[in-house]
C-alpha atoms as a PDB file:
ATOM      1  CA  MET A   1      76.894  83.892-169.025  1.00  0.00           C
ATOM      2  CA  CYS A   2      76.971  79.653-170.067  1.00  0.00           C
ATOM      3  CA  CYS A   3      79.014  78.204-172.166  1.00  0.00           C
ATOM      4  CA  GLU A   4      79.260  74.308-173.100  1.00  0.00           C
ATOM      5  CA  PRO A   5      81.156  72.799-175.594  1.00  0.00           C
ATOM      6  CA  VAL A   6      82.227  69.522-175.675  1.00  0.00           C
ATOM      7  CA  ALA A   7      85.934  67.781-176.784  1.00  0.00           C
ATOM      8  CA  SER A   8      87.619  64.470-176.578  1.00  0.00           C
ATOM      9  CA  ASP A   9      88.334  64.210-173.434  1.00  0.00           C
ATOM     10  CA  CYS A  10      86.793  65.886-171.357  1.00  0.00           C
ATOM     11  CA  ARG A  11      83.820  68.451-171.474  1.00  0.00           C
ATOM     12  CA  TYR A  12      84.188  72.665-170.568  1.00  0.00           C
ATOM     13  CA  ALA A  13      81.521  74.611-168.529  1.00  0.00           C
ATOM     14  CA  LEU A  14      81.306  78.411-168.286  1.00  0.00           C
ATOM     15  CA  ARG A  15      79.187  80.295-166.181  1.00  0.00           C
ATOM     16  CA  ASP A  16      79.988  83.779-165.319  1.00  0.00           C
ATOM     17  CA  ASN A  17      83.593  84.298-164.122  1.00  0.00           C
ATOM     18  CA  GLU A  18      83.453  80.029-163.190  1.00  0.00           C
ATOM     19  CA  LEU A  19      84.981  78.012-165.631  1.00  0.00           C
ATOM     20  CA  THR A  20      84.826  73.821-165.022  1.00  0.00           C
ATOM     21  CA  VAL A  21      86.151  70.811-166.676  1.00  0.00           C
ATOM     22  CA  HIS A  22      84.394  67.631-166.531  1.00  0.00           C
ATOM     23  CA  GLN A  23      87.542  64.726-167.215  1.00  0.00           C
ATOM     24  CA  LEU A  24      85.752  61.256-168.779  1.00  0.00           C
ATOM     25  CA  ASP A  25      87.488  59.861-165.897  1.00  0.00           C
ATOM     26  CA  GLY A  26      85.075  61.492-163.264  1.00  0.00           C
ATOM     27  CA  ASN A  27      87.459  64.395-162.095  1.00  0.00           C
ATOM     28  CA  THR A  28      86.301  67.636-162.300  1.00  0.00           C
ATOM     29  CA  GLU A  29      88.164  71.110-162.124  1.00  0.00           C
ATOM     30  CA  ARG A  30      86.470  74.214-161.307  1.00  0.00           C
ATOM     31  CA  ARG A  31      88.833  77.298-161.486  1.00  0.00           C
ATOM     32  CA  VAL A  32      87.909  81.409-161.132  1.00  0.00           C
ATOM     33  CA  ILE A  33      88.520  83.877-164.038  1.00  0.00           C
ATOM     34  CA  GLY A  34      89.948  86.684-162.585  1.00  0.00           C
ATOM     35  CA  SER A  35      90.265  89.003-165.530  1.00  0.00           C
ATOM     36  CA  GLY A  36      88.549  89.895-168.259  1.00  0.00           C
ATOM     37  CA  ALA A  37      91.310  89.542-170.817  1.00  0.00           C
ATOM     38  CA  GLU A  38      91.414  85.979-168.608  1.00  0.00           C
ATOM     39  CA  LEU A  39      88.811  85.176-169.992  1.00  0.00           C
ATOM     40  CA  ARG A  40      88.643  86.478-173.517  1.00  0.00           C
ATOM     41  CA  THR A  41      91.100  83.880-174.030  1.00  0.00           C
ATOM     42  CA  VAL A  42      89.421  80.803-172.419  1.00  0.00           C
ATOM     43  CA  LEU A  43      86.234  82.007-174.769  1.00  0.00           C
ATOM     44  CA  GLU A  44      89.107  82.624-177.981  1.00  0.00           C
ATOM     45  CA  GLN A  45      91.225  79.442-176.824  1.00  0.00           C
ATOM     46  CA  THR A  46      88.594  77.016-174.953  1.00  0.00           C
ATOM     47  CA  PHE A  47      85.724  77.953-176.783  1.00  0.00           C
ATOM     48  CA  GLN A  48      86.891  78.257-180.182  1.00  0.00           C
ATOM     49  CA  ILE A  49      85.186  81.788-180.188  1.00  0.00           C
ATOM     50  CA  ALA A  50      86.028  85.058-182.232  1.00  0.00           C
ATOM     51  CA  LEU A  51      85.462  87.911-180.032  1.00  0.00           C
ATOM     52  CA  VAL A  52      86.302  91.482-182.292  1.00  0.00           C
ATOM     53  CA  GLU A  53      88.332  94.103-180.296  1.00  0.00           C
ATOM     54  CA  ALA A  54      85.930  96.780-178.548  1.00  0.00           C
ATOM     55  CA  PRO A  55      86.517  98.786-175.588  1.00  0.00           C
ATOM     56  CA  GLU A  56      82.555  98.019-175.184  1.00  0.00           C
ATOM     57  CA  LEU A  57      83.165  94.292-175.116  1.00  0.00           C
ATOM     58  CA  GLN A  58      86.211  94.220-172.914  1.00  0.00           C
ATOM     59  CA  ALA A  59      84.132  96.516-170.309  1.00  0.00           C
ATOM     60  CA  VAL A  60      81.313  93.685-170.084  1.00  0.00           C
ATOM     61  CA  LEU A  61      83.859  90.842-169.831  1.00  0.00           C
ATOM     62  CA  ASP A  62      85.290  92.674-167.020  1.00  0.00           C
ATOM     63  CA  ARG A  63      82.289  92.876-165.279  1.00  0.00           C
ATOM     64  CA  ILE A  64      81.901  88.873-166.092  1.00  0.00           C
ATOM     65  CA  ALA A  65      84.971  88.540-164.563  1.00  0.00           C
ATOM     66  CA  CYS A  66      85.135  90.828-161.542  1.00  0.00           C
ATOM     67  CA  GLY A  67      81.348  89.310-161.122  1.00  0.00           C
ATOM     68  CA  ARG A  68      79.579  92.433-161.515  1.00  0.00           C
ATOM     69  CA  ASN A  69      77.673  91.126-164.402  1.00  0.00           C
ATOM     70  CA  LYS A  70      74.248  90.315-162.276  1.00  0.00           C
ATOM     71  CA  GLN A  71      71.786  92.891-162.560  1.00  0.00           C
ATOM     72  CA  ALA A  72      70.305  94.640-159.730  1.00  0.00           C
ATOM     73  CA  PRO A  73      65.699  93.171-159.871  1.00  0.00           C
ATOM     74  CA  PRO A  74      63.572  95.385-161.534  1.00  0.00           C
END
């Protein structure tokens, strides 16, 4: 999963379970999202994405947050 909205004072990037914040002054902060609940909060609050309450979605968010979203090669 990749997301990248632009805010007035910084740019956010989310790749799998790593959130990166690029400040206008050139500083970059990175943090690992540790749970599906935290990932949901980041998507809803930082990226303004409305997510439904569904067990299937929560399972996917949990898997991404734990770094298990990679599918095995065919």
